[in-house]
Amino acid sequence: MKNFRFLDWEVYTDSKVLFSLILKLVKKLPKEYRFELGSQIIRCCFSIILNIAEGSGKASDKELNRYINISLGSATELLAAIDVLKDNNFITINEFNEIFDKINSIVNQLGGFKRKLNQGDK
């Protein structure tokens, strides 16, 4: 197995782009919400990246699949948080749509990974 194979994965690169968008968004939050909301949003977005990386280093597809599932859960959590920010007028609909599109792309890529891994189980 190639060391650090996740560095070549598009989903990893796209997740880092999403993380950069999230950091910019958190900087724009009102100060009284930046720590509580911002910290949670940053952590769940970072979890997507870290679980992709950690899963890529596991010895079996079953283990990788587990980490992909965690990344998917973090992506869903991130979308829920961003949706709440939108509903409370902390972000614009355009900002929401941009982040939604990135999350959706990442979720689709992770879903493709899962399908490929699950085909190997048959």
PDB file of N, CA and C in Angstrom:
ATOM      1  N   MET A   1       0.839  -1.178   0.000  1.00  0.00           N
ATOM      2  CA  MET A   1       0.000   0.000   0.000  1.00  0.00           C
ATOM      3  C   MET A   1       0.888   1.246   0.000  1.00  0.00           C
ATOM      4  N   LYS A   2       0.510   2.218  -0.782  1.00  0.00           N
ATOM      5  CA  LYS A   2       1.250   3.471  -0.856  1.00  0.00           C
ATOM      6  C   LYS A   2       1.078   4.259   0.442  1.00  0.00           C
ATOM      7  N   ASN A   3       2.179   4.776   0.949  1.00  0.00           N
ATOM      8  CA  ASN A   3       2.098   5.637   2.131  1.00  0.00           C
ATOM      9  C   ASN A   3       1.384   6.931   1.777  1.00  0.00           C
ATOM     10  N   PHE A   4       0.508   7.377   2.624  1.00  0.00           N
ATOM     11  CA  PHE A   4      -0.171   8.670   2.490  1.00  0.00           C
ATOM     12  C   PHE A   4      -0.952   8.788   1.183  1.00  0.00           C
ATOM     13  N   ARG A   5      -1.620   7.723   0.799  1.00  0.00           N
ATOM     14  CA  ARG A   5      -2.366   7.708  -0.463  1.00  0.00           C
ATOM     15  C   ARG A   5      -3.478   8.745  -0.506  1.00  0.00           C
ATOM     16  N   PHE A   6      -3.971   9.169   0.659  1.00  0.00           N
ATOM     17  CA  PHE A   6      -5.049  10.158   0.705  1.00  0.00           C
ATOM     18  C   PHE A   6      -4.643  11.473   0.052  1.00  0.00           C
ATOM     19  N   LEU A   7      -3.334  11.769   0.014  1.00  0.00           N
ATOM     20  CA  LEU A   7      -2.872  13.018  -0.591  1.00  0.00           C
ATOM     21  C   LEU A   7      -3.220  13.105  -2.074  1.00  0.00           C
ATOM     22  N   ASP A   8      -3.459  11.961  -2.710  1.00  0.00           N
ATOM     23  CA  ASP A   8      -3.801  11.924  -4.127  1.00  0.00           C
ATOM     24  C   ASP A   8      -5.309  11.900  -4.376  1.00  0.00           C
ATOM     25  N   TRP A   9      -6.099  11.839  -3.336  1.00  0.00           N
ATOM     26  CA  TRP A   9      -7.542  11.706  -3.500  1.00  0.00           C
ATOM     27  C   TRP A   9      -8.205  13.063  -3.666  1.00  0.00           C
ATOM     28  N   GLU A  10      -9.042  13.168  -4.666  1.00  0.00           N
ATOM     29  CA  GLU A  10      -9.776  14.412  -4.928  1.00  0.00           C
ATOM     30  C   GLU A  10     -10.649  14.793  -3.733  1.00  0.00           C
ATOM     31  N   VAL A  11     -11.249  13.817  -3.083  1.00  0.00           N
ATOM     32  CA  VAL A  11     -12.123  14.106  -1.944  1.00  0.00           C
ATOM     33  C   VAL A  11     -11.341  14.763  -0.805  1.00  0.00           C
ATOM     34  N   TYR A  12     -10.105  14.386  -0.643  1.00  0.00           N
ATOM     35  CA  TYR A  12      -9.252  15.010   0.381  1.00  0.00           C
ATOM     36  C   TYR A  12      -8.971  16.469   0.004  1.00  0.00           C
ATOM     37  N   THR A  13      -8.596  16.693  -1.235  1.00  0.00           N
ATOM     38  CA  THR A  13      -8.329  18.055  -1.710  1.00  0.00           C
ATOM     39  C   THR A  13      -9.576  18.928  -1.602  1.00  0.00           C
ATOM     40  N   ASP A  14     -10.721  18.387  -2.016  1.00  0.00           N
ATOM     41  CA  ASP A  14     -11.972  19.144  -1.938  1.00  0.00           C
ATOM     42  C   ASP A  14     -12.350  19.454  -0.492  1.00  0.00           C
ATOM     43  N   SER A  15     -12.057  18.539   0.414  1.00  0.00           N
ATOM     44  CA  SER A  15     -12.348  18.759   1.827  1.00  0.00           C
ATOM     45  C   SER A  15     -11.489  19.884   2.398  1.00  0.00           C
ATOM     46  N   LYS A  16     -10.259  19.995   1.925  1.00  0.00           N
ATOM     47  CA  LYS A  16      -9.394  21.098   2.363  1.00  0.00           C
ATOM     48  C   LYS A  16      -9.907  22.439   1.834  1.00  0.00           C
ATOM     49  N   VAL A  17     -10.424  22.452   0.618  1.00  0.00           N
ATOM     50  CA  VAL A  17     -11.018  23.674   0.066  1.00  0.00           C
ATOM     51  C   VAL A  17     -12.231  24.079   0.912  1.00  0.00           C
ATOM     52  N   LEU A  18     -13.060  23.101   1.245  1.00  0.00           N
ATOM     53  CA  LEU A  18     -14.215  23.370   2.101  1.00  0.00           C
ATOM     54  C   LEU A  18     -13.759  23.939   3.440  1.00  0.00           C
ATOM     55  N   PHE A  19     -12.715  23.375   4.013  1.00  0.00           N
ATOM     56  CA  PHE A  19     -12.198  23.850   5.291  1.00  0.00           C
ATOM     57  C   PHE A  19     -11.792  25.326   5.197  1.00  0.00           C
ATOM     58  N   SER A  20     -11.146  25.704   4.113  1.00  0.00           N
ATOM     59  CA  SER A  20     -10.756  27.109   3.922  1.00  0.00           C
ATOM     60  C   SER A  20     -11.987  28.015   3.865  1.00  0.00           C
ATOM     61  N   LEU A  21     -13.030  27.563   3.182  1.00  0.00           N
ATOM     62  CA  LEU A  21     -14.284  28.338   3.132  1.00  0.00           C
ATOM     63  C   LEU A  21     -14.886  28.491   4.525  1.00  0.00           C
ATOM     64  N   ILE A  22     -14.854  27.422   5.290  1.00  0.00           N
ATOM     65  CA  ILE A  22     -15.419  27.442   6.640  1.00  0.00           C
ATOM     66  C   ILE A  22     -14.620  28.397   7.534  1.00  0.00           C
ATOM     67  N   LEU A  23     -13.300  28.391   7.423  1.00  0.00           N
ATOM     68  CA  LEU A  23     -12.494  29.311   8.226  1.00  0.00           C
ATOM     69  C   LEU A  23     -12.848  30.764   7.915  1.00  0.00           C
ATOM     70  N   LYS A  24     -13.028  31.077   6.646  1.00  0.00           N
ATOM     71  CA  LYS A  24     -13.407  32.448   6.256  1.00  0.00           C
ATOM     72  C   LYS A  24     -14.779  32.802   6.804  1.00  0.00           C
ATOM     73  N   LEU A  25     -15.696  31.855   6.756  1.00  0.00           N
ATOM     74  CA  LEU A  25     -17.046  32.096   7.245  1.00  0.00           C
ATOM     75  C   LEU A  25     -17.033  32.343   8.759  1.00  0.00           C
ATOM     76  N   VAL A  26     -16.287  31.546   9.499  1.00  0.00           N
ATOM     77  CA  VAL A  26     -16.242  31.675  10.956  1.00  0.00           C
ATOM     78  C   VAL A  26     -15.678  33.040  11.355  1.00  0.00           C
ATOM     79  N   LYS A  27     -14.720  33.543  10.605  1.00  0.00           N
ATOM     80  CA  LYS A  27     -14.148  34.863  10.914  1.00  0.00           C
ATOM     81  C   LYS A  27     -15.196  35.964  10.810  1.00  0.00           C
ATOM     82  N   LYS A  28     -16.244  35.733  10.018  1.00  0.00           N
ATOM     83  CA  LYS A  28     -17.285  36.742   9.824  1.00  0.00           C
ATOM     84  C   LYS A  28     -18.415  36.653  10.848  1.00  0.00           C
ATOM     85  N   LEU A  29     -18.415  35.601  11.662  1.00  0.00           N
ATOM     86  CA  LEU A  29     -19.463  35.467  12.681  1.00  0.00           C
ATOM     87  C   LEU A  29     -19.308  36.566  13.734  1.00  0.00           C
ATOM     88  N   PRO A  30     -20.425  36.995  14.312  1.00  0.00           N
ATOM     89  CA  PRO A  30     -20.307  37.942  15.433  1.00  0.00           C
ATOM     90  C   PRO A  30     -19.448  37.344  16.547  1.00  0.00           C
ATOM     91  N   LYS A  31     -18.674  38.189  17.198  1.00  0.00           N
ATOM     92  CA  LYS A  31     -17.723  37.704  18.203  1.00  0.00           C
ATOM     93  C   LYS A  31     -18.387  36.856  19.280  1.00  0.00           C
ATOM     94  N   GLU A  32     -19.589  37.199  19.668  1.00  0.00           N
ATOM     95  CA  GLU A  32     -20.234  36.454  20.755  1.00  0.00           C
ATOM     96  C   GLU A  32     -20.605  35.026  20.359  1.00  0.00           C
ATOM     97  N   TYR A  33     -20.586  34.733  19.053  1.00  0.00           N
ATOM     98  CA  TYR A  33     -20.909  33.385  18.579  1.00  0.00           C
ATOM     99  C   TYR A  33     -19.704  32.660  17.989  1.00  0.00           C
ATOM    100  N   ARG A  34     -18.639  33.381  17.791  1.00  0.00           N
ATOM    101  CA  ARG A  34     -17.492  32.815  17.087  1.00  0.00           C
ATOM    102  C   ARG A  34     -16.892  31.608  17.805  1.00  0.00           C
ATOM    103  N   PHE A  35     -16.790  31.688  19.123  1.00  0.00           N
ATOM    104  CA  PHE A  35     -16.160  30.575  19.821  1.00  0.00           C
ATOM    105  C   PHE A  35     -17.071  29.354  19.833  1.00  0.00           C
ATOM    106  N   GLU A  36     -18.296  29.516  20.294  1.00  0.00           N
ATOM    107  CA  GLU A  36     -19.199  28.361  20.422  1.00  0.00           C
ATOM    108  C   GLU A  36     -19.562  27.771  19.062  1.00  0.00           C
ATOM    109  N   LEU A  37     -20.177  28.568  18.214  1.00  0.00           N
ATOM    110  CA  LEU A  37     -20.607  28.068  16.901  1.00  0.00           C
ATOM    111  C   LEU A  37     -19.412  27.809  15.992  1.00  0.00           C
ATOM    112  N   GLY A  38     -18.511  28.765  15.951  1.00  0.00           N
ATOM    113  CA  GLY A  38     -17.356  28.647  15.059  1.00  0.00           C
ATOM    114  C   GLY A  38     -16.500  27.445  15.372  1.00  0.00           C
ATOM    115  N   SER A  39     -16.251  27.221  16.637  1.00  0.00           N
ATOM    116  CA  SER A  39     -15.430  26.085  17.036  1.00  0.00           C
ATOM    117  C   SER A  39     -16.068  24.762  16.625  1.00  0.00           C
ATOM    118  N   GLN A  40     -17.366  24.633  16.822  1.00  0.00           N
ATOM    119  CA  GLN A  40     -18.050  23.394  16.453  1.00  0.00           C
ATOM    120  C   GLN A  40     -18.016  23.171  14.944  1.00  0.00           C
ATOM    121  N   ILE A  41     -18.234  24.221  14.185  1.00  0.00           N
ATOM    122  CA  ILE A  41     -18.236  24.115  12.725  1.00  0.00           C
ATOM    123  C   ILE A  41     -16.844  23.746  12.207  1.00  0.00           C
ATOM    124  N   ILE A  42     -15.827  24.375  12.776  1.00  0.00           N
ATOM    125  CA  ILE A  42     -14.457  24.062  12.375  1.00  0.00           C
ATOM    126  C   ILE A  42     -14.127  22.610  12.705  1.00  0.00           C
ATOM    127  N   ARG A  43     -14.502  22.159  13.894  1.00  0.00           N
ATOM    128  CA  ARG A  43     -14.196  20.783  14.299  1.00  0.00           C
ATOM    129  C   ARG A  43     -14.874  19.760  13.393  1.00  0.00           C
ATOM    130  N   CYS A  44     -16.150  19.970  13.064  1.00  0.00           N
ATOM    131  CA  CYS A  44     -16.800  18.952  12.229  1.00  0.00           C
ATOM    132  C   CYS A  44     -16.244  18.974  10.809  1.00  0.00           C
ATOM    133  N   CYS A  45     -15.861  20.133  10.306  1.00  0.00           N
ATOM    134  CA  CYS A  45     -15.258  20.182   8.971  1.00  0.00           C
ATOM    135  C   CYS A  45     -13.877  19.530   8.989  1.00  0.00           C
ATOM    136  N   PHE A  46     -13.101  19.800  10.026  1.00  0.00           N
ATOM    137  CA  PHE A  46     -11.770  19.207  10.148  1.00  0.00           C
ATOM    138  C   PHE A  46     -11.874  17.691  10.301  1.00  0.00           C
ATOM    139  N   SER A  47     -12.940  17.231  10.942  1.00  0.00           N
ATOM    140  CA  SER A  47     -13.165  15.798  11.110  1.00  0.00           C
ATOM    141  C   SER A  47     -13.309  15.085   9.766  1.00  0.00           C
ATOM    142  N   ILE A  48     -13.910  15.747   8.796  1.00  0.00           N
ATOM    143  CA  ILE A  48     -14.031  15.156   7.461  1.00  0.00           C
ATOM    144  C   ILE A  48     -12.634  14.851   6.919  1.00  0.00           C
ATOM    145  N   ILE A  49     -11.773  15.839   6.972  1.00  0.00           N
ATOM    146  CA  ILE A  49     -10.407  15.714   6.453  1.00  0.00           C
ATOM    147  C   ILE A  49      -9.633  14.635   7.196  1.00  0.00           C
ATOM    148  N   LEU A  50      -9.660  14.717   8.509  1.00  0.00           N
ATOM    149  CA  LEU A  50      -8.841  13.813   9.314  1.00  0.00           C
ATOM    150  C   LEU A  50      -9.296  12.364   9.203  1.00  0.00           C
ATOM    151  N   ASN A  51     -10.584  12.131   9.103  1.00  0.00           N
ATOM    152  CA  ASN A  51     -11.058  10.750   8.974  1.00  0.00           C
ATOM    153  C   ASN A  51     -10.769  10.162   7.603  1.00  0.00           C
ATOM    154  N   ILE A  52     -10.776  10.981   6.578  1.00  0.00           N
ATOM    155  CA  ILE A  52     -10.351  10.507   5.258  1.00  0.00           C
ATOM    156  C   ILE A  52      -8.886  10.071   5.335  1.00  0.00           C
ATOM    157  N   ALA A  53      -8.059  10.925   5.933  1.00  0.00           N
ATOM    158  CA  ALA A  53      -6.633  10.610   6.045  1.00  0.00           C
ATOM    159  C   ALA A  53      -6.406   9.373   6.911  1.00  0.00           C
ATOM    160  N   GLU A  54      -7.035   9.335   8.078  1.00  0.00           N
ATOM    161  CA  GLU A  54      -6.812   8.206   8.976  1.00  0.00           C
ATOM    162  C   GLU A  54      -7.302   6.900   8.360  1.00  0.00           C
ATOM    163  N   GLY A  55      -8.460   6.935   7.736  1.00  0.00           N
ATOM    164  CA  GLY A  55      -8.995   5.730   7.111  1.00  0.00           C
ATOM    165  C   GLY A  55      -8.111   5.207   5.998  1.00  0.00           C
ATOM    166  N   SER A  56      -7.465   6.111   5.282  1.00  0.00           N
ATOM    167  CA  SER A  56      -6.617   5.685   4.161  1.00  0.00           C
ATOM    168  C   SER A  56      -5.421   4.860   4.613  1.00  0.00           C
ATOM    169  N   GLY A  57      -5.043   5.005   5.866  1.00  0.00           N
ATOM    170  CA  GLY A  57      -3.892   4.278   6.374  1.00  0.00           C
ATOM    171  C   GLY A  57      -4.230   2.939   7.001  1.00  0.00           C
ATOM    172  N   LYS A  58      -5.506   2.595   7.004  1.00  0.00           N
ATOM    173  CA  LYS A  58      -5.911   1.331   7.620  1.00  0.00           C
ATOM    174  C   LYS A  58      -5.636   0.165   6.681  1.00  0.00           C
ATOM    175  N   ALA A  59      -5.481  -0.997   7.276  1.00  0.00           N
ATOM    176  CA  ALA A  59      -5.048  -2.183   6.536  1.00  0.00           C
ATOM    177  C   ALA A  59      -6.159  -2.817   5.702  1.00  0.00           C
ATOM    178  N   SER A  60      -7.400  -2.595   6.067  1.00  0.00           N
ATOM    179  CA  SER A  60      -8.476  -3.276   5.341  1.00  0.00           C
ATOM    180  C   SER A  60      -9.501  -2.281   4.818  1.00  0.00           C
ATOM    181  N   ASP A  61     -10.218  -2.711   3.789  1.00  0.00           N
ATOM    182  CA  ASP A  61     -11.299  -1.892   3.244  1.00  0.00           C
ATOM    183  C   ASP A  61     -12.414  -1.705   4.263  1.00  0.00           C
ATOM    184  N   LYS A  62     -12.627  -2.704   5.102  1.00  0.00           N
ATOM    185  CA  LYS A  62     -13.658  -2.601   6.139  1.00  0.00           C
ATOM    186  C   LYS A  62     -13.338  -1.459   7.098  1.00  0.00           C
ATOM    187  N   GLU A  63     -12.071  -1.360   7.478  1.00  0.00           N
ATOM    188  CA  GLU A  63     -11.655  -0.270   8.370  1.00  0.00           C
ATOM    189  C   GLU A  63     -11.762   1.082   7.671  1.00  0.00           C
ATOM    190  N   LEU A  64     -11.327   1.158   6.415  1.00  0.00           N
ATOM    191  CA  LEU A  64     -11.447   2.402   5.643  1.00  0.00           C
ATOM    192  C   LEU A  64     -12.912   2.817   5.561  1.00  0.00           C
ATOM    193  N   ASN A  65     -13.790   1.864   5.318  1.00  0.00           N
ATOM    194  CA  ASN A  65     -15.219   2.140   5.209  1.00  0.00           C
ATOM    195  C   ASN A  65     -15.748   2.776   6.499  1.00  0.00           C
ATOM    196  N   ARG A  66     -15.266   2.310   7.625  1.00  0.00           N
ATOM    197  CA  ARG A  66     -15.693   2.868   8.919  1.00  0.00           C
ATOM    198  C   ARG A  66     -15.338   4.353   9.010  1.00  0.00           C
ATOM    199  N   TYR A  67     -14.144   4.709   8.573  1.00  0.00           N
ATOM    200  CA  TYR A  67     -13.719   6.107   8.628  1.00  0.00           C
ATOM    201  C   TYR A  67     -14.447   6.961   7.588  1.00  0.00           C
ATOM    202  N   ILE A  68     -14.775   6.382   6.470  1.00  0.00           N
ATOM    203  CA  ILE A  68     -15.590   7.104   5.482  1.00  0.00           C
ATOM    204  C   ILE A  68     -16.959   7.406   6.079  1.00  0.00           C
ATOM    205  N   ASN A  69     -17.526   6.445   6.804  1.00  0.00           N
ATOM    206  CA  ASN A  69     -18.812   6.678   7.467  1.00  0.00           C
ATOM    207  C   ASN A  69     -18.729   7.817   8.474  1.00  0.00           C
ATOM    208  N   ILE A  70     -17.630   7.886   9.205  1.00  0.00           N
ATOM    209  CA  ILE A  70     -17.453   8.989  10.156  1.00  0.00           C
ATOM    210  C   ILE A  70     -17.357  10.316   9.407  1.00  0.00           C
ATOM    211  N   SER A  71     -16.629  10.341   8.295  1.00  0.00           N
ATOM    212  CA  SER A  71     -16.529  11.557   7.480  1.00  0.00           C
ATOM    213  C   SER A  71     -17.903  11.976   6.962  1.00  0.00           C
ATOM    214  N   LEU A  72     -18.684  11.001   6.527  1.00  0.00           N
ATOM    215  CA  LEU A  72     -20.040  11.298   6.054  1.00  0.00           C
ATOM    216  C   LEU A  72     -20.884  11.900   7.175  1.00  0.00           C
ATOM    217  N   GLY A  73     -20.767  11.358   8.369  1.00  0.00           N
ATOM    218  CA  GLY A  73     -21.501  11.907   9.502  1.00  0.00           C
ATOM    219  C   GLY A  73     -21.077  13.329   9.806  1.00  0.00           C
ATOM    220  N   SER A  74     -19.793  13.601   9.730  1.00  0.00           N
ATOM    221  CA  SER A  74     -19.290  14.955   9.975  1.00  0.00           C
ATOM    222  C   SER A  74     -19.768  15.921   8.901  1.00  0.00           C
ATOM    223  N   ALA A  75     -19.837  15.457   7.659  1.00  0.00           N
ATOM    224  CA  ALA A  75     -20.333  16.308   6.566  1.00  0.00           C
ATOM    225  C   ALA A  75     -21.798  16.658   6.796  1.00  0.00           C
ATOM    226  N   THR A  76     -22.581  15.698   7.248  1.00  0.00           N
ATOM    227  CA  THR A  76     -23.990  15.942   7.537  1.00  0.00           C
ATOM    228  C   THR A  76     -24.139  16.922   8.697  1.00  0.00           C
ATOM    229  N   GLU A  77     -23.323  16.737   9.722  1.00  0.00           N
ATOM    230  CA  GLU A  77     -23.328  17.654  10.861  1.00  0.00           C
ATOM    231  C   GLU A  77     -22.968  19.071  10.412  1.00  0.00           C
ATOM    232  N   LEU A  78     -21.967  19.187   9.558  1.00  0.00           N
ATOM    233  CA  LEU A  78     -21.558  20.495   9.052  1.00  0.00           C
ATOM    234  C   LEU A  78     -22.691  21.159   8.288  1.00  0.00           C
ATOM    235  N   LEU A  79     -23.362  20.403   7.432  1.00  0.00           N
ATOM    236  CA  LEU A  79     -24.472  20.982   6.675  1.00  0.00           C
ATOM    237  C   LEU A  79     -25.575  21.471   7.603  1.00  0.00           C
ATOM    238  N   ALA A  80     -25.893  20.708   8.631  1.00  0.00           N
ATOM    239  CA  ALA A  80     -26.915  21.135   9.582  1.00  0.00           C
ATOM    240  C   ALA A  80     -26.511  22.441  10.265  1.00  0.00           C
ATOM    241  N   ALA A  81     -25.255  22.549  10.648  1.00  0.00           N
ATOM    242  CA  ALA A  81     -24.774  23.772  11.295  1.00  0.00           C
ATOM    243  C   ALA A  81     -24.858  24.965  10.349  1.00  0.00           C
ATOM    244  N   ILE A  82     -24.465  24.760   9.116  1.00  0.00           N
ATOM    245  CA  ILE A  82     -24.506  25.836   8.126  1.00  0.00           C
ATOM    246  C   ILE A  82     -25.955  26.242   7.845  1.00  0.00           C
ATOM    247  N   ASP A  83     -26.850  25.274   7.816  1.00  0.00           N
ATOM    248  CA  ASP A  83     -28.269  25.552   7.613  1.00  0.00           C
ATOM    249  C   ASP A  83     -28.829  26.415   8.748  1.00  0.00           C
ATOM    250  N   VAL A  84     -28.420  26.106   9.978  1.00  0.00           N
ATOM    251  CA  VAL A  84     -28.851  26.911  11.125  1.00  0.00           C
ATOM    252  C   VAL A  84     -28.297  28.330  11.024  1.00  0.00           C
ATOM    253  N   LEU A  85     -27.041  28.459  10.607  1.00  0.00           N
ATOM    254  CA  LEU A  85     -26.468  29.800  10.416  1.00  0.00           C
ATOM    255  C   LEU A  85     -27.255  30.589   9.379  1.00  0.00           C
ATOM    256  N   LYS A  86     -27.644  29.915   8.305  1.00  0.00           N
ATOM    257  CA  LYS A  86     -28.441  30.577   7.259  1.00  0.00           C
ATOM    258  C   LYS A  86     -29.782  31.032   7.812  1.00  0.00           C
ATOM    259  N   ASP A  87     -30.449  30.143   8.526  1.00  0.00           N
ATOM    260  CA  ASP A  87     -31.769  30.466   9.068  1.00  0.00           C
ATOM    261  C   ASP A  87     -31.733  31.629  10.058  1.00  0.00           C
ATOM    262  N   ASN A  88     -30.576  31.825  10.687  1.00  0.00           N
ATOM    263  CA  ASN A  88     -30.434  32.913  11.652  1.00  0.00           C
ATOM    264  C   ASN A  88     -29.699  34.120  11.075  1.00  0.00           C
ATOM    265  N   ASN A  89     -29.595  34.153   9.753  1.00  0.00           N
ATOM    266  CA  ASN A  89     -29.025  35.288   9.017  1.00  0.00           C
ATOM    267  C   ASN A  89     -27.565  35.591   9.356  1.00  0.00           C
ATOM    268  N   PHE A  90     -26.816  34.547   9.736  1.00  0.00           N
ATOM    269  CA  PHE A  90     -25.378  34.719   9.943  1.00  0.00           C
ATOM    270  C   PHE A  90     -24.605  34.565   8.638  1.00  0.00           C
ATOM    271  N   ILE A  91     -25.212  33.894   7.662  1.00  0.00           N
ATOM    272  CA  ILE A  91     -24.605  33.768   6.338  1.00  0.00           C
ATOM    273  C   ILE A  91     -25.688  34.036   5.296  1.00  0.00           C
ATOM    274  N   THR A  92     -25.245  34.401   4.111  1.00  0.00           N
ATOM    275  CA  THR A  92     -26.184  34.671   3.023  1.00  0.00           C
ATOM    276  C   THR A  92     -26.592  33.368   2.335  1.00  0.00           C
ATOM    277  N   ILE A  93     -27.633  33.442   1.556  1.00  0.00           N
ATOM    278  CA  ILE A  93     -28.066  32.267   0.788  1.00  0.00           C
ATOM    279  C   ILE A  93     -26.981  31.868  -0.207  1.00  0.00           C
ATOM    280  N   ASN A  94     -26.260  32.833  -0.753  1.00  0.00           N
ATOM    281  CA  ASN A  94     -25.165  32.517  -1.680  1.00  0.00           C
ATOM    282  C   ASN A  94     -24.029  31.780  -0.972  1.00  0.00           C
ATOM    283  N   GLU A  95     -23.691  32.223   0.233  1.00  0.00           N
ATOM    284  CA  GLU A  95     -22.658  31.519   1.005  1.00  0.00           C
ATOM    285  C   GLU A  95     -23.130  30.107   1.342  1.00  0.00           C
ATOM    286  N   PHE A  96     -24.389  29.994   1.749  1.00  0.00           N
ATOM    287  CA  PHE A  96     -24.945  28.679   2.043  1.00  0.00           C
ATOM    288  C   PHE A  96     -24.854  27.772   0.818  1.00  0.00           C
ATOM    289  N   ASN A  97     -25.279  28.279  -0.336  1.00  0.00           N
ATOM    290  CA  ASN A  97     -25.282  27.469  -1.554  1.00  0.00           C
ATOM    291  C   ASN A  97     -23.876  27.026  -1.952  1.00  0.00           C
ATOM    292  N   GLU A  98     -22.901  27.912  -1.801  1.00  0.00           N
ATOM    293  CA  GLU A  98     -21.521  27.555  -2.134  1.00  0.00           C
ATOM    294  C   GLU A  98     -21.030  26.421  -1.233  1.00  0.00           C
ATOM    295  N   ILE A  99     -21.294  26.540   0.050  1.00  0.00           N
ATOM    296  CA  ILE A  99     -20.855  25.507   0.988  1.00  0.00           C
ATOM    297  C   ILE A  99     -21.658  24.226   0.780  1.00  0.00           C
ATOM    298  N   PHE A 100     -22.960  24.362   0.555  1.00  0.00           N
ATOM    299  CA  PHE A 100     -23.795  23.190   0.285  1.00  0.00           C
ATOM    300  C   PHE A 100     -23.247  22.408  -0.901  1.00  0.00           C
ATOM    301  N   ASP A 101     -22.915  23.108  -1.985  1.00  0.00           N
ATOM    302  CA  ASP A 101     -22.389  22.442  -3.184  1.00  0.00           C
ATOM    303  C   ASP A 101     -21.097  21.684  -2.882  1.00  0.00           C
ATOM    304  N   LYS A 102     -20.213  22.282  -2.081  1.00  0.00           N
ATOM    305  CA  LYS A 102     -18.951  21.610  -1.719  1.00  0.00           C
ATOM    306  C   LYS A 102     -19.228  20.369  -0.875  1.00  0.00           C
ATOM    307  N   ILE A 103     -20.105  20.520   0.115  1.00  0.00           N
ATOM    308  CA  ILE A 103     -20.433  19.372   0.971  1.00  0.00           C
ATOM    309  C   ILE A 103     -21.075  18.271   0.143  1.00  0.00           C
ATOM    310  N   ASN A 104     -21.997  18.642  -0.719  1.00  0.00           N
ATOM    311  CA  ASN A 104     -22.683  17.667  -1.564  1.00  0.00           C
ATOM    312  C   ASN A 104     -21.692  16.903  -2.442  1.00  0.00           C
ATOM    313  N   SER A 105     -20.743  17.598  -3.021  1.00  0.00           N
ATOM    314  CA  SER A 105     -19.719  16.957  -3.847  1.00  0.00           C
ATOM    315  C   SER A 105     -18.883  15.975  -3.014  1.00  0.00           C
ATOM    316  N   ILE A 106     -18.502  16.400  -1.830  1.00  0.00           N
ATOM    317  CA  ILE A 106     -17.699  15.544  -0.950  1.00  0.00           C
ATOM    318  C   ILE A 106     -18.492  14.306  -0.551  1.00  0.00           C
ATOM    319  N   VAL A 107     -19.754  14.490  -0.192  1.00  0.00           N
ATOM    320  CA  VAL A 107     -20.609  13.361   0.186  1.00  0.00           C
ATOM    321  C   VAL A 107     -20.757  12.389  -0.982  1.00  0.00           C
ATOM    322  N   ASN A 108     -20.926  12.914  -2.176  1.00  0.00           N
ATOM    323  CA  ASN A 108     -21.031  12.044  -3.356  1.00  0.00           C
ATOM    324  C   ASN A 108     -19.740  11.259  -3.583  1.00  0.00           C
ATOM    325  N   GLN A 109     -18.604  11.913  -3.417  1.00  0.00           N
ATOM    326  CA  GLN A 109     -17.323  11.220  -3.579  1.00  0.00           C
ATOM    327  C   GLN A 109     -17.139  10.144  -2.512  1.00  0.00           C
ATOM    328  N   LEU A 110     -17.489  10.466  -1.278  1.00  0.00           N
ATOM    329  CA  LEU A 110     -17.375   9.478  -0.208  1.00  0.00           C
ATOM    330  C   LEU A 110     -18.331   8.311  -0.448  1.00  0.00           C
ATOM    331  N   GLY A 111     -19.519   8.612  -0.951  1.00  0.00           N
ATOM    332  CA  GLY A 111     -20.468   7.557  -1.301  1.00  0.00           C
ATOM    333  C   GLY A 111     -19.910   6.647  -2.393  1.00  0.00           C
ATOM    334  N   GLY A 112     -19.213   7.224  -3.348  1.00  0.00           N
ATOM    335  CA  GLY A 112     -18.562   6.430  -4.391  1.00  0.00           C
ATOM    336  C   GLY A 112     -17.494   5.517  -3.816  1.00  0.00           C
ATOM    337  N   PHE A 113     -16.729   6.037  -2.860  1.00  0.00           N
ATOM    338  CA  PHE A 113     -15.742   5.208  -2.166  1.00  0.00           C
ATOM    339  C   PHE A 113     -16.430   4.030  -1.493  1.00  0.00           C
ATOM    340  N   LYS A 114     -17.522   4.296  -0.787  1.00  0.00           N
ATOM    341  CA  LYS A 114     -18.241   3.238  -0.077  1.00  0.00           C
ATOM    342  C   LYS A 114     -18.740   2.166  -1.045  1.00  0.00           C
ATOM    343  N   ARG A 115     -19.313   2.600  -2.152  1.00  0.00           N
ATOM    344  CA  ARG A 115     -19.814   1.635  -3.142  1.00  0.00           C
ATOM    345  C   ARG A 115     -18.674   0.765  -3.663  1.00  0.00           C
ATOM    346  N   LYS A 116     -17.560   1.381  -3.973  1.00  0.00           N
ATOM    347  CA  LYS A 116     -16.401   0.630  -4.477  1.00  0.00           C
ATOM    348  C   LYS A 116     -15.902  -0.360  -3.419  1.00  0.00           C
ATOM    349  N   LEU A 117     -15.811   0.096  -2.174  1.00  0.00           N
ATOM    350  CA  LEU A 117     -15.344  -0.784  -1.112  1.00  0.00           C
ATOM    351  C   LEU A 117     -16.334  -1.941  -0.870  1.00  0.00           C
ATOM    352  N   ASN A 118     -17.612  -1.633  -0.917  1.00  0.00           N
ATOM    353  CA  ASN A 118     -18.632  -2.652  -0.674  1.00  0.00           C
ATOM    354  C   ASN A 118     -18.682  -3.679  -1.807  1.00  0.00           C
ATOM    355  N   GLN A 119     -18.316  -3.290  -3.027  1.00  0.00           N
ATOM    356  CA  GLN A 119     -18.253  -4.236  -4.136  1.00  0.00           C
ATOM    357  C   GLN A 119     -17.162  -5.265  -3.888  1.00  0.00           C
ATOM    358  N   GLY A 120     -16.102  -4.841  -3.203  1.00  0.00           N
ATOM    359  CA  GLY A 120     -15.010  -5.757  -2.891  1.00  0.00           C
ATOM    360  C   GLY A 120     -15.394  -6.788  -1.855  1.00  0.00           C
ATOM    361  N   ASP A 121     -16.443  -6.517  -1.075  1.00  0.00           N
ATOM    362  CA  ASP A 121     -16.910  -7.452  -0.053  1.00  0.00           C
ATOM    363  C   ASP A 121     -17.713  -8.588  -0.635  1.00  0.00           C
ATOM    364  N   LYS A 122     -18.158  -8.452  -1.878  1.00  0.00           N
ATOM    365  CA  LYS A 122     -19.046  -9.465  -2.486  1.00  0.00           C
ATOM    366  C   LYS A 122     -18.273 -10.588  -3.089  1.00  0.00           C
TER     367      LYS A 122
END
